[in-house]
Amino acid sequence: MAGGVAAASAIPADELGRMTDDIVAALKTVYDPEIPADIYELGLIYKIDIDDDRNVDIEMTLTAPGCPVAGEMPGWVENAVASVEGIQVVKVELVFTPPWTPERMSEEAQVAVGWY
């Protein structure tokens, strides 16, 4: 990023849009086993970056650092996103800053857990 302006992607806009939509759809297939909502709607996905080589970097968190599936969930996310057509390499990083709070949940997730 030079001068505060992000460089344009080498991936055609229509392909980038399709890949983004397909990545989100893949993320919505991954569920926290203790909560009846997918990780995307729970607000556990903080960042998705697709580089010009079609590699994907994802920053995600957990509802709590001591989550029993903390060691497994990044692999679930990696496998789900790697199934998207055109994706090369997927890297998932767990982050805990900022900490997750229920306010990050979508309305759909709030309904699923009975908070809405």
Protein backbone atom coordinates (compact mmCIF):
# COMPACT_ATOMS: atom_id res chain seq x y z
CA MET A 1 0.00 0.00 0.00
CA ALA A 2 1.63 3.21 -1.16
CA GLY A 3 0.35 6.59 -0.12
CA GLY A 4 -2.59 5.07 1.70
CA VAL A 5 -4.09 3.58 -1.47
CA ALA A 6 -4.31 -0.19 -1.86
CA ALA A 7 -2.90 -1.57 -5.10
CA ALA A 8 -5.44 -3.06 -7.50
CA SER A 9 -5.63 -6.83 -7.59
CA ALA A 10 -4.24 -8.71 -10.58
CA ILE A 11 -7.26 -11.02 -10.26
CA PRO A 12 -10.16 -9.87 -12.49
CA ALA A 13 -12.91 -8.22 -10.43
CA ASP A 14 -15.58 -10.77 -11.36
CA GLU A 15 -13.32 -13.68 -10.39
CA LEU A 16 -12.30 -11.97 -7.14
CA GLY A 17 -15.98 -11.40 -6.31
CA ARG A 18 -16.83 -15.04 -7.01
CA MET A 19 -13.90 -16.25 -4.93
CA THR A 20 -14.87 -13.97 -2.05
CA ASP A 21 -18.48 -15.18 -2.14
CA ASP A 22 -17.33 -18.80 -2.31
CA ILE A 23 -14.91 -18.31 0.60
CA VAL A 24 -17.69 -16.84 2.74
CA ALA A 25 -19.97 -19.74 1.76
CA ALA A 26 -17.22 -22.20 2.73
CA LEU A 27 -16.70 -20.46 6.07
CA LYS A 28 -20.42 -20.76 6.74
CA THR A 29 -20.06 -24.56 6.66
CA VAL A 30 -17.81 -24.49 9.75
CA TYR A 31 -19.59 -24.51 13.09
CA ASP A 32 -18.43 -24.13 16.65
CA PRO A 33 -19.63 -27.47 18.06
CA GLU A 34 -20.92 -25.79 21.22
CA ILE A 35 -22.90 -23.01 19.48
CA PRO A 36 -25.60 -23.59 16.84
CA ALA A 37 -24.25 -20.94 14.43
CA ASP A 38 -21.48 -20.89 11.86
CA ILE A 39 -18.17 -19.16 12.56
CA TYR A 40 -18.74 -16.44 9.96
CA GLU A 41 -22.09 -15.35 11.45
CA LEU A 42 -20.61 -15.62 14.95
CA GLY A 43 -18.10 -12.95 13.94
CA LEU A 44 -15.07 -15.18 14.49
CA ILE A 45 -13.52 -14.25 11.12
CA TYR A 46 -11.57 -11.02 11.47
CA LYS A 47 -9.82 -10.80 8.10
CA ILE A 48 -9.72 -12.53 4.72
CA ASP A 49 -6.93 -11.57 2.30
CA ILE A 50 -6.62 -12.98 -1.20
CA ASP A 51 -3.28 -12.24 -2.88
CA ASP A 52 -2.59 -12.06 -6.61
CA ASP A 53 -1.45 -15.71 -6.61
CA ARG A 54 -4.84 -16.75 -5.15
CA ASN A 55 -3.40 -17.59 -1.75
CA VAL A 56 -5.73 -16.82 1.15
CA ASP A 57 -4.73 -15.57 4.59
CA ILE A 58 -7.42 -15.67 7.26
CA GLU A 59 -7.31 -14.18 10.73
CA MET A 60 -9.85 -15.63 13.07
CA THR A 61 -10.55 -15.87 16.75
CA LEU A 62 -12.48 -18.13 19.08
CA THR A 63 -15.34 -17.37 21.42
CA ALA A 64 -12.88 -18.04 24.26
CA PRO A 65 -9.12 -18.72 24.28
CA GLY A 66 -9.76 -21.99 26.15
CA CYS A 67 -12.19 -23.27 23.51
CA PRO A 68 -11.99 -27.09 23.45
CA VAL A 69 -11.61 -27.15 19.64
CA ALA A 70 -8.93 -24.42 19.49
CA GLY A 71 -6.41 -26.87 18.06
CA GLU A 72 -8.82 -28.25 15.46
CA MET A 73 -10.88 -25.30 14.23
CA PRO A 74 -8.14 -23.60 12.17
CA GLY A 75 -7.73 -26.87 10.26
CA TRP A 76 -11.48 -27.04 9.66
CA VAL A 77 -11.37 -23.49 8.30
CA GLU A 78 -8.32 -24.22 6.15
CA ASN A 79 -9.96 -27.34 4.66
CA ALA A 80 -13.25 -25.56 3.97
CA VAL A 81 -11.61 -22.61 2.21
CA ALA A 82 -9.13 -24.82 0.33
CA SER A 83 -12.11 -26.50 -1.34
CA VAL A 84 -13.00 -23.24 -3.13
CA GLU A 85 -12.21 -23.38 -6.84
CA GLY A 86 -9.11 -21.39 -7.77
CA ILE A 87 -7.66 -21.11 -4.25
CA GLN A 88 -4.01 -22.14 -4.01
CA VAL A 89 -2.76 -22.05 -0.40
CA VAL A 90 -4.79 -21.23 2.71
CA LYS A 91 -3.17 -19.99 5.91
CA VAL A 92 -5.27 -19.55 9.06
CA GLU A 93 -3.98 -17.58 12.02
CA LEU A 94 -5.68 -17.53 15.41
CA VAL A 95 -5.67 -14.09 17.00
CA PHE A 96 -7.14 -12.91 20.27
CA THR A 97 -6.90 -9.16 19.77
CA PRO A 98 -9.43 -7.74 19.78
CA PRO A 99 -11.14 -10.30 21.97
CA TRP A 100 -14.37 -11.73 20.62
CA THR A 101 -17.59 -10.45 22.17
CA PRO A 102 -21.21 -11.39 21.44
CA GLU A 103 -21.69 -7.98 19.79
CA ARG A 104 -19.71 -9.35 16.81
CA MET A 105 -22.50 -11.84 16.06
CA SER A 106 -24.81 -11.21 13.14
CA GLU A 107 -28.54 -11.00 13.69
CA GLU A 108 -28.78 -14.48 12.14
CA ALA A 109 -26.39 -15.90 14.77
CA GLN A 110 -28.23 -14.10 17.57
CA VAL A 111 -31.48 -15.73 16.44
CA ALA A 112 -29.76 -19.14 16.22
CA VAL A 113 -28.55 -18.95 19.81
CA GLY A 114 -31.83 -17.45 21.06
CA TRP A 115 -30.45 -14.01 21.92
CA TYR A 116 -32.65 -12.04 19.56
